[in-house]
Amino acid sequence: CSLAGVVRAYVEAKEHGLHLIIGSEINLLTAGGEPYAKLVLLATDRAAYGNLSEFITLARTRADKGSYRAYASDLEGKAAGRPHLQHLPGCLALLIPAGDASFEQLFGQAMWLRTWFPERAWIAVENLLRATDGPLIERIERVGHLTGVPLVAAGDVHMHLRSRKPVLDVAAAIRLGKTVAECGFALASNAEQYLRPRVRLAQLYAPEWLDETLKIAARCQFSLNELRYEYPEEIVPPGATATSHLRALTEAGALYRFPEGVPPAVRAQIEKELALVAELKYEAFFLTIEDVVRFARSQGILCQGRGSAANSVVCYCLRITEVDPRRCNVLFERFISRERNEPPDIDVDFEHQRREEAI
């Protein structure tokens, strides 16, 4: 029930030319708080990633830090105030059967999954050569045949090489707060949870189960490079655009700053800055900072823009900074430029006693 580490994974995958499939493993509870089923939920597109993130947030905010409470009913549209989370649109679901799950339990879970994730559900077959795997796989095959939910090969991979098993055991011991010797059956029973070669996988899994892994991977097209800053829509009044509203605020601020008329050099700088801001589509960024500063001033909270933002005449007109361009040589390119290809850094300090009010 987390997406922790996803950015680091994305950066590494990109460096090696791999497409990263993004998802999360979640243990669902019944309404009474009893364990119900374990799912792996995979995001296929940008909207699905947002739905999965919201579901994780919902589960995390119900519990103390470091834990979560996710209910099967959440995915049935019964999460308070979040009907859109019903069957998590765009997400694929893999049921991970428990080693001691009975046929009846598996059948009920598979039917539930088929109901709420139609055409987006699989039962994972994890053949890790444990003592319980043989009978469990037989039950899984029966359930798959009766319910029509396809089976897919899975490995529950925790390490890249078999030789890392001692490290895996130590990590488990740290998590449990025990010595390795005291962990007993809490440790993995063998070293099969590694990235097994495809030749080895072909010996352990039916060809159709392996084929399903490719079908799932092909549907998971989401990439973190699709994410962009999303600014509040309410910062732009009805009937205006971000560009027109930023210009209107800048012009009003120019009249405030230069009541006797805007000097030609300052006017030229304003036009230069607004043109570049529009070209790079940073209007919403400036409007968001202006909105925060305006709120602080309306509440009597002391605030002051500083740093490279002092090189911007637009920031001066918006009252974000207090550096008069007539009294110094501003260098706007130090603040924002085409070449950096990232939003500028506007630092605003708030009096520490009331900073939380602004936040």
Protein backbone atom coordinates (compact mmCIF):
# COMPACT_ATOMS: atom_id res chain seq x y z
CA CYS A 1 0.00 0.00 0.00
CA SER A 2 2.67 2.42 -1.07
CA LEU A 3 4.40 3.91 -4.09
CA ALA A 4 7.60 4.57 -2.15
CA GLY A 5 10.72 4.28 -4.28
CA VAL A 6 8.86 4.63 -7.56
CA VAL A 7 10.83 7.70 -8.67
CA ARG A 8 14.19 6.02 -8.05
CA ALA A 9 12.95 2.93 -9.88
CA TYR A 10 11.78 5.05 -12.82
CA VAL A 11 15.13 6.84 -13.08
CA GLU A 12 17.03 3.52 -13.05
CA ALA A 13 14.67 1.90 -15.56
CA LYS A 14 14.99 4.87 -17.90
CA GLU A 15 18.77 4.72 -17.73
CA HIS A 16 18.68 1.07 -18.82
CA GLY A 17 16.00 1.51 -21.49
CA LEU A 18 13.34 -0.43 -19.59
CA HIS A 19 9.66 0.44 -19.29
CA LEU A 20 8.70 0.45 -15.60
CA ILE A 21 5.34 -1.10 -14.68
CA ILE A 22 4.00 0.77 -11.67
CA GLY A 23 1.66 -0.66 -9.06
CA SER A 24 1.22 -1.57 -5.43
CA GLU A 25 0.54 -4.67 -3.34
CA ILE A 26 -2.37 -4.25 -0.96
CA ASN A 27 -3.94 -6.48 1.70
CA LEU A 28 -7.71 -5.95 1.77
CA LEU A 29 -9.83 -6.34 4.89
CA THR A 30 -13.46 -7.26 5.42
CA ALA A 31 -15.82 -4.70 6.97
CA GLY A 32 -15.08 -6.34 10.32
CA GLY A 33 -11.34 -5.88 9.90
CA GLU A 34 -10.50 -9.50 9.07
CA PRO A 35 -8.02 -10.33 6.26
CA TYR A 36 -9.86 -10.80 2.98
CA ALA A 37 -7.50 -10.88 0.00
CA LYS A 38 -4.12 -9.69 -1.23
CA LEU A 39 -4.08 -7.82 -4.55
CA VAL A 40 -1.42 -6.37 -6.80
CA LEU A 41 -2.90 -3.30 -8.52
CA LEU A 42 -1.16 -2.02 -11.66
CA ALA A 43 -1.69 1.38 -13.31
CA THR A 44 -2.30 1.31 -17.07
CA ASP A 45 -2.50 5.08 -17.67
CA ARG A 46 -2.29 8.50 -16.02
CA ALA A 47 -5.86 8.39 -14.67
CA ALA A 48 -5.32 4.91 -13.23
CA TYR A 49 -2.15 6.09 -11.45
CA GLY A 50 -4.15 8.93 -9.91
CA ASN A 51 -6.90 6.56 -8.77
CA LEU A 52 -4.37 4.15 -7.25
CA SER A 53 -2.60 7.02 -5.48
CA GLU A 54 -5.89 8.27 -4.03
CA PHE A 55 -6.81 4.77 -2.86
CA ILE A 56 -3.44 4.43 -1.10
CA THR A 57 -3.91 7.83 0.53
CA LEU A 58 -7.38 6.82 1.74
CA ALA A 59 -6.05 3.60 3.29
CA ARG A 60 -3.05 5.32 4.89
CA THR A 61 -5.03 8.15 6.48
CA ARG A 62 -7.22 5.63 8.31
CA ALA A 63 -4.33 4.24 10.32
CA ASP A 64 -1.28 5.33 12.29
CA LYS A 65 1.88 6.26 10.42
CA GLY A 66 3.53 3.19 8.93
CA SER A 67 0.35 1.15 8.54
CA TYR A 68 -2.90 1.24 6.57
CA ARG A 69 -6.48 -0.06 6.44
CA ALA A 70 -7.86 -0.89 2.99
CA TYR A 71 -11.27 -2.54 2.75
CA ALA A 72 -12.70 -4.68 -0.02
CA SER A 73 -15.79 -2.49 0.17
CA ASP A 74 -13.69 0.52 -0.91
CA LEU A 75 -13.37 -1.05 -4.35
CA GLU A 76 -17.11 -1.71 -4.44
CA GLY A 77 -17.82 2.02 -4.39
CA LYS A 78 -18.58 2.17 -0.67
CA ALA A 79 -15.68 4.41 0.36
CA ALA A 80 -17.22 7.47 1.96
CA GLY A 81 -17.27 10.35 -0.50
CA ARG A 82 -15.22 8.48 -3.10
CA PRO A 83 -17.61 6.59 -5.40
CA HIS A 84 -15.17 7.15 -8.28
CA LEU A 85 -12.78 4.67 -6.65
CA GLN A 86 -15.25 1.87 -7.42
CA HIS A 87 -13.25 -0.94 -9.10
CA LEU A 88 -10.34 1.53 -9.59
CA PRO A 89 -10.87 2.47 -13.26
CA GLY A 90 -7.81 1.77 -15.40
CA CYS A 91 -6.08 -0.48 -12.87
CA LEU A 92 -5.37 -4.16 -13.45
CA ALA A 93 -5.80 -6.52 -10.48
CA LEU A 94 -3.86 -9.68 -9.67
CA LEU A 95 -5.16 -11.86 -6.84
CA ILE A 96 -2.28 -13.31 -4.77
CA PRO A 97 -3.64 -16.48 -3.11
CA ALA A 98 -2.50 -17.29 0.41
CA GLY A 99 -0.59 -20.55 0.75
CA ASP A 100 -3.25 -22.05 3.03
CA ALA A 101 -6.28 -20.71 1.11
CA SER A 102 -9.04 -23.28 0.70
CA PHE A 103 -10.87 -23.93 -2.56
CA GLU A 104 -13.95 -22.14 -1.20
CA GLN A 105 -11.94 -19.07 -0.19
CA LEU A 106 -10.22 -18.87 -3.55
CA PHE A 107 -13.48 -19.32 -5.43
CA GLY A 108 -15.14 -16.51 -3.46
CA GLN A 109 -12.19 -14.17 -3.95
CA ALA A 110 -12.02 -14.91 -7.68
CA MET A 111 -15.75 -14.26 -8.16
CA TRP A 112 -15.44 -11.00 -6.21
CA LEU A 113 -12.49 -9.99 -8.36
CA ARG A 114 -14.27 -10.86 -11.61
CA THR A 115 -17.28 -8.80 -10.51
CA TRP A 116 -15.36 -5.62 -9.69
CA PHE A 117 -12.52 -5.88 -12.22
CA PRO A 118 -14.19 -7.31 -15.35
CA GLU A 119 -11.63 -8.07 -18.09
CA ARG A 120 -8.95 -6.65 -15.76
CA ALA A 121 -8.47 -9.54 -13.33
CA TRP A 122 -5.99 -12.40 -12.99
CA ILE A 123 -5.06 -15.00 -10.40
CA ALA A 124 -1.31 -15.06 -9.81
CA VAL A 125 0.47 -18.40 -9.75
CA GLU A 126 3.60 -18.14 -7.60
CA ASN A 127 5.48 -21.39 -8.01
CA LEU A 128 8.31 -20.90 -5.52
CA LEU A 129 8.81 -24.63 -4.85
CA ARG A 130 7.43 -24.43 -1.34
CA ALA A 131 5.79 -27.45 0.27
CA THR A 132 2.32 -25.92 -0.13
CA ASP A 133 2.72 -24.73 -3.72
CA GLY A 134 1.73 -27.95 -5.50
CA PRO A 135 -1.70 -28.42 -3.86
CA LEU A 136 -2.33 -24.66 -4.00
CA ILE A 137 -1.67 -24.48 -7.75
CA GLU A 138 -4.13 -27.36 -8.26
CA ARG A 139 -6.81 -25.38 -6.40
CA ILE A 140 -5.95 -22.24 -8.38
CA GLU A 141 -6.33 -24.10 -11.67
CA ARG A 142 -9.76 -25.42 -10.65
CA VAL A 143 -10.91 -21.96 -9.58
CA GLY A 144 -9.62 -20.40 -12.79
CA HIS A 145 -11.47 -22.98 -14.88
CA LEU A 146 -14.76 -22.51 -13.01
CA THR A 147 -14.71 -18.70 -12.81
CA GLY A 148 -13.08 -17.85 -16.12
CA VAL A 149 -10.48 -15.65 -14.42
CA PRO A 150 -7.17 -16.19 -16.29
CA LEU A 151 -4.04 -17.33 -14.49
CA VAL A 152 -0.70 -15.53 -14.77
CA ALA A 153 2.81 -16.51 -13.76
CA ALA A 154 4.27 -14.46 -10.90
CA GLY A 155 7.44 -14.65 -8.85
CA ASP A 156 7.04 -12.37 -5.81
CA VAL A 157 10.61 -11.28 -6.53
CA HIS A 158 12.56 -9.87 -3.58
CA MET A 159 16.14 -10.09 -4.87
CA HIS A 160 18.00 -10.21 -8.14
CA LEU A 161 20.24 -13.20 -7.34
CA ARG A 162 19.83 -16.33 -5.21
CA SER A 163 23.03 -15.40 -3.38
CA ARG A 164 21.25 -12.40 -1.80
CA LYS A 165 19.12 -14.66 0.43
CA PRO A 166 21.19 -13.87 3.57
CA VAL A 167 20.63 -10.16 2.97
CA LEU A 168 16.89 -10.81 2.56
CA ASP A 169 16.88 -12.68 5.89
CA VAL A 170 18.67 -9.85 7.67
CA ALA A 171 16.20 -7.31 6.24
CA ALA A 172 13.31 -9.45 7.53
CA ALA A 173 14.93 -9.71 10.96
CA ILE A 174 15.34 -5.93 11.14
CA ARG A 175 11.69 -5.46 10.18
CA LEU A 176 10.57 -7.91 12.89
CA GLY A 177 12.98 -6.60 15.53
CA LYS A 178 14.51 -10.03 16.12
CA THR A 179 17.75 -11.85 15.43
CA VAL A 180 17.86 -13.98 12.28
CA ALA A 181 17.93 -17.11 14.45
CA GLU A 182 14.74 -16.06 16.23
CA CYS A 183 12.74 -15.39 13.04
CA GLY A 184 12.05 -19.06 12.21
CA PHE A 185 9.22 -19.50 9.70
CA ALA A 186 8.96 -15.73 9.24
CA LEU A 187 11.92 -16.03 6.85
CA ALA A 188 11.53 -17.18 3.25
CA SER A 189 11.78 -20.98 3.18
CA ASN A 190 14.10 -21.01 0.17
CA ALA A 191 15.93 -18.71 -2.26
CA GLU A 192 13.43 -18.89 -5.14
CA GLN A 193 12.24 -15.28 -4.87
CA TYR A 194 14.86 -14.02 -7.32
CA LEU A 195 14.84 -13.02 -10.99
CA ARG A 196 14.81 -16.52 -12.41
CA PRO A 197 16.04 -17.06 -15.99
CA ARG A 198 13.38 -17.54 -18.64
CA VAL A 199 14.57 -21.10 -19.24
CA ARG A 200 13.90 -21.85 -15.58
CA LEU A 201 10.48 -20.15 -15.73
CA ALA A 202 9.53 -22.27 -18.74
CA GLN A 203 10.17 -25.38 -16.62
CA LEU A 204 7.93 -24.16 -13.79
CA TYR A 205 4.99 -22.43 -15.51
CA ALA A 206 2.53 -23.32 -18.25
CA PRO A 207 3.17 -21.41 -21.51
CA GLU A 208 -0.23 -19.71 -21.35
CA TRP A 209 0.56 -18.37 -17.87
CA LEU A 210 3.77 -16.84 -19.14
CA ASP A 211 1.92 -15.40 -22.17
CA GLU A 212 -0.44 -13.58 -19.81
CA THR A 213 2.51 -11.69 -18.29
CA LEU A 214 3.19 -10.15 -21.71
CA LYS A 215 -0.47 -9.19 -22.16
CA ILE A 216 -0.47 -7.45 -18.79
CA ALA A 217 2.81 -5.66 -19.50
CA ALA A 218 1.49 -4.44 -22.87
CA ARG A 219 -1.53 -2.84 -21.19
CA CYS A 220 0.57 -0.97 -18.61
CA GLN A 221 1.51 2.07 -20.69
CA PHE A 222 1.74 4.64 -17.89
CA SER A 223 5.06 6.39 -17.35
CA LEU A 224 6.07 8.89 -14.68
CA ASN A 225 7.19 11.27 -17.42
CA GLU A 226 3.48 11.95 -18.02
CA LEU A 227 3.22 13.75 -14.68
CA ARG A 228 3.37 17.53 -14.65
CA TYR A 229 2.74 20.21 -12.07
CA GLU A 230 -1.02 20.71 -11.79
CA TYR A 231 -1.90 24.13 -10.44
CA PRO A 232 -5.21 25.15 -8.85
CA GLU A 233 -7.87 26.10 -11.39
CA GLU A 234 -9.49 28.66 -9.09
CA ILE A 235 -6.52 31.04 -9.41
CA VAL A 236 -7.95 32.14 -12.80
CA PRO A 237 -11.35 33.93 -12.68
CA PRO A 238 -14.17 32.83 -15.03
CA GLY A 239 -13.84 34.22 -18.53
CA ALA A 240 -10.07 34.74 -18.27
CA THR A 241 -7.04 32.67 -19.17
CA ALA A 242 -3.90 32.25 -17.11
CA THR A 243 -2.08 34.50 -19.59
CA SER A 244 -4.66 37.29 -19.56
CA HIS A 245 -5.07 37.16 -15.79
CA LEU A 246 -1.33 37.34 -15.15
CA ARG A 247 -1.09 40.35 -17.45
CA ALA A 248 -4.04 42.04 -15.72
CA LEU A 249 -2.47 41.56 -12.28
CA THR A 250 0.91 42.72 -13.55
CA GLU A 251 -0.58 45.88 -15.10
CA ALA A 252 -2.51 46.64 -11.91
CA GLY A 253 0.66 46.12 -9.91
CA ALA A 254 2.63 48.34 -12.26
CA LEU A 255 0.17 51.18 -11.64
CA TYR A 256 0.59 50.64 -7.90
CA ARG A 257 4.39 50.54 -8.10
CA PHE A 258 4.74 53.41 -10.58
CA PRO A 259 1.82 55.79 -9.95
CA GLU A 260 3.47 58.48 -12.07
CA GLY A 261 3.80 56.20 -15.07
CA VAL A 262 5.82 53.08 -15.94
CA PRO A 263 9.33 54.03 -17.15
CA PRO A 264 10.06 52.86 -20.74
CA ALA A 265 12.88 50.56 -19.63
CA VAL A 266 10.64 48.92 -17.04
CA ARG A 267 7.81 48.59 -19.59
CA ALA A 268 10.17 46.86 -22.01
CA GLN A 269 11.30 44.48 -19.27
CA ILE A 270 7.69 43.66 -18.32
CA GLU A 271 6.88 42.77 -21.92
CA LYS A 272 10.03 40.66 -22.22
CA GLU A 273 9.26 38.74 -19.06
CA LEU A 274 5.58 38.15 -19.83
CA ALA A 275 6.46 36.91 -23.32
CA LEU A 276 8.94 34.36 -21.96
CA VAL A 277 6.59 33.26 -19.19
CA ALA A 278 3.86 32.70 -21.80
CA GLU A 279 6.24 30.82 -24.08
CA LEU A 280 7.28 28.46 -21.27
CA LYS A 281 3.70 28.23 -19.93
CA TYR A 282 4.64 29.25 -16.38
CA GLU A 283 1.69 31.63 -15.87
CA ALA A 284 -0.05 29.33 -13.37
CA PHE A 285 3.13 29.13 -11.32
CA PHE A 286 3.33 32.93 -10.95
CA LEU A 287 -0.41 33.14 -10.24
CA THR A 288 -0.15 30.50 -7.52
CA ILE A 289 2.66 32.35 -5.72
CA GLU A 290 0.79 35.65 -6.09
CA ASP A 291 -2.32 34.01 -4.62
CA VAL A 292 -0.39 32.77 -1.57
CA VAL A 293 1.30 36.14 -1.01
CA ARG A 294 -1.98 38.03 -1.42
CA PHE A 295 -3.62 35.74 1.16
CA ALA A 296 -0.79 36.31 3.62
CA ARG A 297 -0.99 40.10 3.25
CA SER A 298 -4.78 40.01 3.69
CA GLN A 299 -4.28 38.23 7.02
CA GLY A 300 -1.51 40.52 8.19
CA ILE A 301 1.09 37.75 7.91
CA LEU A 302 4.53 39.17 7.18
CA CYS A 303 6.06 37.69 4.03
CA GLN A 304 8.84 38.55 1.63
CA GLY A 305 10.07 37.10 -1.65
CA ARG A 306 13.84 36.76 -1.92
CA GLY A 307 16.62 35.16 -3.92
CA SER A 308 16.75 35.19 -7.70
CA ALA A 309 13.07 36.23 -7.90
CA ALA A 310 14.30 39.75 -7.08
CA ASN A 311 15.55 39.87 -10.67
CA SER A 312 11.98 39.81 -11.98
CA VAL A 313 10.01 43.00 -12.64
CA VAL A 314 6.82 40.92 -12.87
CA CYS A 315 7.43 39.60 -9.34
CA TYR A 316 7.93 43.21 -8.22
CA CYS A 317 4.63 44.27 -9.81
CA LEU A 318 2.86 41.30 -8.23
CA ARG A 319 4.24 42.44 -4.85
CA ILE A 320 6.06 39.14 -4.37
CA THR A 321 9.38 40.98 -4.07
CA GLU A 322 10.34 44.52 -3.06
CA VAL A 323 13.38 45.21 -5.27
CA ASP A 324 12.76 48.33 -7.37
CA PRO A 325 14.21 47.67 -10.87
CA ARG A 326 14.99 51.38 -11.24
CA ARG A 327 17.48 51.18 -8.41
CA CYS A 328 19.49 48.13 -9.51
CA ASN A 329 20.48 46.19 -12.57
CA VAL A 330 18.13 43.20 -12.65
CA LEU A 331 19.25 40.11 -14.55
CA PHE A 332 16.06 38.24 -15.40
CA GLU A 333 17.94 35.34 -17.01
CA ARG A 334 19.36 34.48 -13.59
CA PHE A 335 15.77 33.86 -12.49
CA ILE A 336 14.26 32.15 -15.52
CA SER A 337 15.53 31.02 -18.93
CA ARG A 338 14.54 28.77 -21.81
CA GLU A 339 17.59 26.58 -21.41
CA ARG A 340 16.80 25.37 -17.87
CA ASN A 341 13.41 23.95 -18.91
CA GLU A 342 12.02 24.01 -15.37
CA PRO A 343 9.85 26.41 -13.36
CA PRO A 344 11.80 29.20 -11.66
CA ASP A 345 12.54 29.15 -7.97
CA ILE A 346 10.50 31.76 -6.06
CA ASP A 347 11.45 31.73 -2.39
CA VAL A 348 8.96 33.42 -0.08
CA ASP A 349 9.68 33.74 3.64
CA PHE A 350 6.81 33.95 6.15
CA GLU A 351 7.06 34.99 9.78
CA HIS A 352 7.64 31.74 11.60
CA GLN A 353 4.93 32.31 14.24
CA ARG A 354 2.20 32.31 11.52
CA ARG A 355 3.73 30.18 8.79
CA GLU A 356 1.27 27.34 9.40
CA GLU A 357 -1.65 29.68 8.67
CA ALA A 358 -0.23 30.36 5.22
CA ILE A 359 0.39 26.65 4.62
